[in-house]
Amino acid sequence: MSASAPGRTARHYLMCEPTHYTVSYEINPWMDKTRYTDVDLAVQQWRRLRDTYLDLGNTIETIDPLEGLPDMVYAANGATVIDGIVYSAKFRYPERQPEGPAYQKWFADRGYLTHTAEQINEGEGDMLFVGRTLLAGTGFRTDRAAHREAAALFGIEVVSLELIDPRFYHLDTALAVLSSDVDDPQVAYYPPAFSPASQEVLAERYPDAVHAVEADAVALGLNAVSDGENVVVAPAATHLAGALRERGYTPIPVETTELLKGGGGAKCCTLEIRPTLV
C-alpha cells in the first residue's frame, strides 16, 4: 500500500521579492541572457506564491532584495535552517556569492545562531530535510565537504546524493519533500537526475516514493513546496499532480514561469525556517 499524506503542519518561510530580477548571466542550462525577462510578471507571480502560502496559514517573512543580485529571489539557496541553527550558503559562482552574507546577516540581526560555511554549498537548493535526515545534493553546486560540515553542525545524518543531469543542478529541482514526518518521511523524485548509486540509495530509503516523469521534471514540477497535505506545484507538472492526489495530497498549481527563466520555481523562492525540533 502506498504511503499517504500525513496532514498539514503550518510552516515558517523566508522569501525575497524579485524587485531586481533579470537574467543577466548564465550559470545553469535554464538561463539565456538574450531572452527577455518581465520583472513585473515575475513580481506578480511571486506575490501570488506568497499569498498562496499565507492563505494556507503559513508565516511569511521577507528579506529586502539588493540591487545587483537578481537571483536573490531564490531564497532557498540562501541558507539551511534546522533546529533554529543557520548554516550559511557559500555560493560557487561569483555572481551569487554576495547573497550568502546577506541572508546570514538577516538571520543574525534577528537573533538566530548562525554558522559561516567554510565549504561550498547553496543552502536548501542542495540540502533537503526529511524526517531527521538531511538529503544533500552534489555534482554541480555543492561540495561533498559541505555535507560533512552540515552533519557536524546539525548533529544529524546526512545522505549524499549525486546529481548527473545539468538541467537539475540543485537537489530541489530533482527531488521534493512531501512529508518530513519522522515516522513516515515521503518524497517525490526524478530517478534519471541521479547517479545509479544514488538511485539505489533513494529506492532503499523511500520505496513508496512518487516517481516523476521527465515532463514533470523539465517543468520544474519537483521544485515544489509541501506542508504535509497541500503541495504547491508547477501547473505543467500534471502527471505529478495526479500521483499526489492518489496519495491524498492536494496539489495547488501556482505559475512561476517567469522565474523559471532563471532556473527556479516555487521551492527555489522559499526558505523554510525550522524552529527547535523535538
Protein backbone atom coordinates (compact mmCIF):
# COMPACT_ATOMS: atom_id res chain seq x y z
CA MET A 1 0.00 0.00 0.00
CA SER A 2 1.36 3.43 -0.94
CA ALA A 3 2.10 5.98 1.74
CA SER A 4 -0.47 8.73 2.16
CA ALA A 5 -0.41 12.39 3.13
CA PRO A 6 0.13 12.68 6.90
CA GLY A 7 -1.65 16.02 7.30
CA ARG A 8 -0.80 19.69 7.27
CA THR A 9 1.68 21.42 9.56
CA ALA A 10 1.97 25.22 9.42
CA ARG A 11 5.34 26.42 8.17
CA HIS A 12 7.57 29.48 8.55
CA TYR A 13 9.14 30.75 5.33
CA LEU A 14 11.59 33.46 4.29
CA MET A 15 11.14 34.97 0.81
CA CYS A 16 12.61 37.77 -1.29
CA GLU A 17 10.56 39.80 -3.76
CA PRO A 18 12.15 39.80 -7.26
CA THR A 19 12.38 43.58 -7.50
CA HIS A 20 15.72 43.40 -9.33
CA TYR A 21 15.10 40.12 -11.16
CA THR A 22 16.58 39.62 -14.60
CA VAL A 23 18.73 37.07 -16.41
CA SER A 24 21.98 38.95 -16.96
CA TYR A 25 24.37 35.97 -16.80
CA GLU A 26 24.22 32.24 -17.46
CA ILE A 27 25.17 29.75 -14.76
CA ASN A 28 22.65 26.97 -15.43
CA PRO A 29 21.04 25.50 -18.57
CA TRP A 30 17.78 27.35 -17.99
CA MET A 31 19.34 30.80 -18.24
CA ASP A 32 19.52 32.67 -21.55
CA LYS A 33 20.53 36.30 -21.16
CA THR A 34 19.34 37.08 -24.70
CA ARG A 35 15.76 36.24 -23.75
CA TYR A 36 13.50 38.99 -22.41
CA THR A 37 12.58 38.78 -18.74
CA ASP A 38 9.49 40.59 -17.49
CA VAL A 39 10.20 41.81 -13.96
CA ASP A 40 6.60 42.95 -13.45
CA LEU A 41 5.33 39.47 -14.29
CA ALA A 42 7.97 37.91 -12.05
CA VAL A 43 6.82 40.09 -9.15
CA GLN A 44 3.18 39.28 -9.88
CA GLN A 45 3.88 35.52 -9.89
CA TRP A 46 6.00 35.79 -6.74
CA ARG A 47 3.25 37.67 -4.90
CA ARG A 48 0.73 35.02 -5.93
CA LEU A 49 3.05 32.38 -4.49
CA ARG A 50 3.46 34.33 -1.25
CA ASP A 51 -0.28 34.88 -0.96
CA THR A 52 -0.91 31.19 -1.52
CA TYR A 53 1.32 30.35 1.43
CA LEU A 54 -0.46 32.92 3.57
CA ASP A 55 -3.88 31.60 2.56
CA LEU A 56 -2.73 28.15 3.70
CA GLY A 57 -1.95 29.52 7.16
CA ASN A 58 1.82 29.76 6.95
CA THR A 59 4.03 32.53 8.33
CA ILE A 60 5.97 34.57 5.77
CA GLU A 61 8.90 36.87 6.42
CA THR A 62 10.78 38.77 3.73
CA ILE A 63 14.32 39.92 3.18
CA ASP A 64 14.96 43.14 1.28
CA PRO A 65 16.21 42.50 -2.26
CA LEU A 66 19.58 44.02 -3.08
CA GLU A 67 20.30 45.72 -6.38
CA GLY A 68 22.78 43.79 -8.48
CA LEU A 69 21.69 40.41 -7.06
CA PRO A 70 18.94 39.30 -9.48
CA ASP A 71 18.94 35.71 -8.18
CA MET A 72 18.32 36.74 -4.58
CA VAL A 73 14.66 35.87 -5.21
CA TYR A 74 15.73 32.21 -4.93
CA ALA A 75 15.70 32.39 -1.14
CA ALA A 76 16.04 28.64 -0.63
CA ASN A 77 19.64 28.91 -1.80
CA GLY A 78 20.48 31.45 0.91
CA ALA A 79 20.91 29.13 3.90
CA THR A 80 19.82 25.92 5.62
CA VAL A 81 17.94 26.31 8.91
CA ILE A 82 17.40 23.33 11.21
CA ASP A 83 16.69 23.40 14.95
CA GLY A 84 16.95 27.17 14.77
CA ILE A 85 20.59 26.95 13.64
CA VAL A 86 21.53 28.71 10.40
CA TYR A 87 24.16 27.20 8.11
CA SER A 88 25.11 29.93 5.67
CA ALA A 89 25.38 29.46 1.93
CA LYS A 90 28.73 29.80 0.21
CA PHE A 91 27.97 30.09 -3.50
CA ARG A 92 30.08 28.54 -6.22
CA TYR A 93 29.66 31.28 -8.81
CA PRO A 94 30.97 34.82 -8.14
CA GLU A 95 27.74 36.36 -9.43
CA ARG A 96 25.83 34.95 -6.46
CA GLN A 97 28.45 34.99 -3.72
CA PRO A 98 27.21 38.20 -2.01
CA GLU A 99 23.85 36.52 -1.35
CA GLY A 100 25.25 34.24 1.35
CA PRO A 101 26.36 37.05 3.70
CA ALA A 102 23.15 38.99 3.00
CA TYR A 103 20.97 36.11 4.14
CA GLN A 104 23.23 35.31 7.08
CA LYS A 105 23.02 38.92 8.25
CA TRP A 106 19.23 38.81 8.08
CA PHE A 107 19.20 35.86 10.46
CA ALA A 108 21.92 37.23 12.74
CA ASP A 109 20.08 40.55 13.06
CA ARG A 110 17.08 38.62 14.36
CA GLY A 111 18.98 36.70 16.97
CA TYR A 112 19.49 33.39 15.20
CA LEU A 113 22.63 31.37 15.83
CA THR A 114 24.47 31.42 12.51
CA HIS A 115 27.42 29.41 11.25
CA THR A 116 29.56 30.78 8.42
CA ALA A 117 30.17 27.97 5.96
CA GLU A 118 33.73 27.05 5.11
CA GLN A 119 32.64 24.72 2.30
CA ILE A 120 30.87 25.48 -0.97
CA ASN A 121 27.12 24.92 -0.57
CA GLU A 122 23.97 26.52 -1.92
CA GLY A 123 21.63 26.19 1.02
CA GLU A 124 18.36 24.38 0.70
CA GLY A 125 18.93 24.21 -3.01
CA ASP A 126 21.05 21.16 -2.22
CA MET A 127 20.03 20.32 1.35
CA LEU A 128 16.55 18.97 1.98
CA PHE A 129 15.39 17.95 5.45
CA VAL A 130 13.33 14.74 5.56
CA GLY A 131 12.27 13.31 8.92
CA ARG A 132 15.51 13.61 10.88
CA THR A 133 17.75 13.15 7.85
CA LEU A 134 19.34 15.73 5.58
CA LEU A 135 19.43 14.71 1.95
CA ALA A 136 22.35 16.56 0.38
CA GLY A 137 22.98 17.02 -3.32
CA THR A 138 26.34 17.25 -5.02
CA GLY A 139 27.67 17.16 -8.55
CA PHE A 140 27.15 20.74 -9.71
CA ARG A 141 26.86 23.37 -6.99
CA THR A 142 27.57 21.91 -3.54
CA ASP A 143 30.78 20.12 -2.49
CA ARG A 144 30.66 16.86 -0.56
CA ALA A 145 32.80 18.52 2.11
CA ALA A 146 29.80 20.74 2.88
CA HIS A 147 27.77 17.62 3.65
CA ARG A 148 30.28 16.70 6.33
CA GLU A 149 30.28 20.26 7.64
CA ALA A 150 26.47 20.24 7.88
CA ALA A 151 26.45 16.86 9.63
CA ALA A 152 28.84 18.14 12.29
CA LEU A 153 26.91 21.39 12.75
CA PHE A 154 23.41 19.95 13.00
CA GLY A 155 24.32 16.61 14.56
CA ILE A 156 22.09 14.66 12.20
CA GLU A 157 22.51 12.04 9.49
CA VAL A 158 23.41 13.50 6.10
CA VAL A 159 22.92 11.36 3.00
CA SER A 160 24.87 12.41 -0.09
CA LEU A 161 23.13 12.16 -3.46
CA GLU A 162 24.94 12.70 -6.75
CA LEU A 163 23.19 14.72 -9.46
CA ILE A 164 24.24 13.94 -13.03
CA ASP A 165 21.88 15.92 -15.31
CA PRO A 166 22.88 19.61 -15.57
CA ARG A 167 19.24 20.62 -16.01
CA PHE A 168 18.72 19.52 -12.43
CA TYR A 169 21.71 21.29 -10.95
CA HIS A 170 20.27 21.57 -7.44
CA LEU A 171 18.72 18.75 -5.44
CA ASP A 172 15.48 20.71 -5.08
CA THR A 173 14.97 20.60 -8.84
CA ALA A 174 15.10 16.80 -8.85
CA LEU A 175 13.51 15.84 -5.52
CA ALA A 176 10.62 17.22 -3.48
CA VAL A 177 10.00 16.59 0.20
CA LEU A 178 6.33 15.70 0.61
CA SER A 179 6.39 14.84 4.31
CA SER A 180 9.02 15.38 6.98
CA ASP A 181 7.10 13.22 9.44
CA VAL A 182 9.75 11.36 11.46
CA ASP A 183 7.79 8.10 11.30
CA ASP A 184 6.71 8.45 7.68
CA PRO A 185 9.05 10.57 5.56
CA GLN A 186 7.88 10.87 1.97
CA VAL A 187 9.50 12.23 -1.18
CA ALA A 188 8.96 12.53 -4.91
CA TYR A 189 11.88 12.49 -7.33
CA TYR A 190 13.02 12.05 -10.91
CA PRO A 191 15.31 8.98 -10.95
CA PRO A 192 17.38 9.81 -14.10
CA ALA A 193 18.60 13.03 -12.46
CA PHE A 194 20.69 10.89 -10.08
CA SER A 195 23.67 8.59 -10.48
CA PRO A 196 22.88 4.85 -10.41
CA ALA A 197 24.34 4.56 -6.91
CA SER A 198 22.20 7.44 -5.62
CA GLN A 199 19.12 5.93 -7.27
CA GLU A 200 19.78 2.78 -5.26
CA VAL A 201 20.03 4.78 -2.04
CA LEU A 202 16.74 6.57 -2.73
CA ALA A 203 14.95 3.34 -3.69
CA GLU A 204 16.08 1.67 -0.49
CA ARG A 205 15.18 4.57 1.78
CA TYR A 206 11.93 5.59 0.10
CA PRO A 207 10.38 2.50 -1.53
CA ASP A 208 6.99 4.24 -1.72
CA ALA A 209 8.31 7.46 -3.27
CA VAL A 210 6.48 9.15 -6.10
CA HIS A 211 8.49 8.89 -9.30
CA ALA A 212 8.13 11.90 -11.57
CA VAL A 213 8.29 11.57 -15.34
CA GLU A 214 10.53 13.74 -17.50
CA ALA A 215 7.70 16.12 -18.42
CA ASP A 216 7.17 16.84 -14.71
CA ALA A 217 10.88 17.35 -14.15
CA VAL A 218 11.51 19.74 -17.04
CA ALA A 219 8.58 21.87 -15.87
CA LEU A 220 10.45 22.02 -12.51
CA GLY A 221 7.46 20.25 -11.01
CA LEU A 222 9.70 18.78 -8.32
CA ASN A 223 10.65 22.28 -7.22
CA ALA A 224 7.53 22.02 -5.08
CA VAL A 225 6.62 23.00 -1.53
CA SER A 226 4.58 20.71 0.71
CA ASP A 227 3.11 21.25 4.18
CA GLY A 228 2.26 17.57 4.55
CA GLU A 229 -1.10 17.95 2.81
CA ASN A 230 -1.04 20.80 0.32
CA VAL A 231 1.65 20.80 -2.36
CA VAL A 232 2.37 24.00 -4.27
CA VAL A 233 3.46 22.77 -7.68
CA ALA A 234 4.07 23.97 -11.23
CA PRO A 235 0.80 23.74 -13.22
CA ALA A 236 2.56 21.97 -16.10
CA ALA A 237 3.51 19.02 -13.88
CA THR A 238 0.21 17.25 -14.49
CA HIS A 239 1.44 13.67 -14.06
CA LEU A 240 3.00 14.56 -10.73
CA ALA A 241 -0.20 16.32 -9.60
CA GLY A 242 -2.21 13.20 -10.39
CA ALA A 243 0.18 10.99 -8.46
CA LEU A 244 -0.02 13.33 -5.48
CA ARG A 245 -3.82 13.23 -5.50
CA GLU A 246 -3.68 9.44 -5.41
CA ARG A 247 -1.66 9.72 -2.18
CA GLY A 248 -4.17 12.08 -0.58
CA TYR A 249 -2.23 15.29 -1.18
CA THR A 250 -3.86 18.41 -2.59
CA PRO A 251 -1.83 19.85 -5.47
CA ILE A 252 -2.07 23.64 -5.69
CA PRO A 253 -0.88 24.88 -9.08
CA VAL A 254 0.95 28.21 -8.93
CA GLU A 255 2.58 29.61 -12.06
CA THR A 256 6.23 30.66 -11.78
CA THR A 257 7.13 30.60 -15.48
CA GLU A 258 8.98 33.92 -15.44
CA LEU A 259 11.15 32.78 -12.56
CA LEU A 260 11.81 29.52 -14.39
CA LYS A 261 13.87 31.56 -16.87
CA GLY A 262 16.45 31.84 -14.10
CA GLY A 263 16.19 28.16 -13.26
CA GLY A 264 13.86 28.31 -10.27
CA GLY A 265 10.30 27.59 -9.21
CA ALA A 266 8.24 27.64 -6.02
CA LYS A 267 10.76 25.85 -3.79
CA CYS A 268 13.67 27.96 -5.00
CA CYS A 269 11.75 31.03 -3.80
CA THR A 270 11.04 29.53 -0.39
CA LEU A 271 13.48 29.07 2.50
CA GLU A 272 11.99 27.18 5.43
CA ILE A 273 12.84 28.42 8.92
CA ARG A 274 12.69 25.39 11.19
CA PRO A 275 12.46 26.04 14.92
CA THR A 276 13.90 23.77 17.57
CA LEU A 277 12.67 20.27 16.85
CA VAL A 278 11.57 17.67 19.38
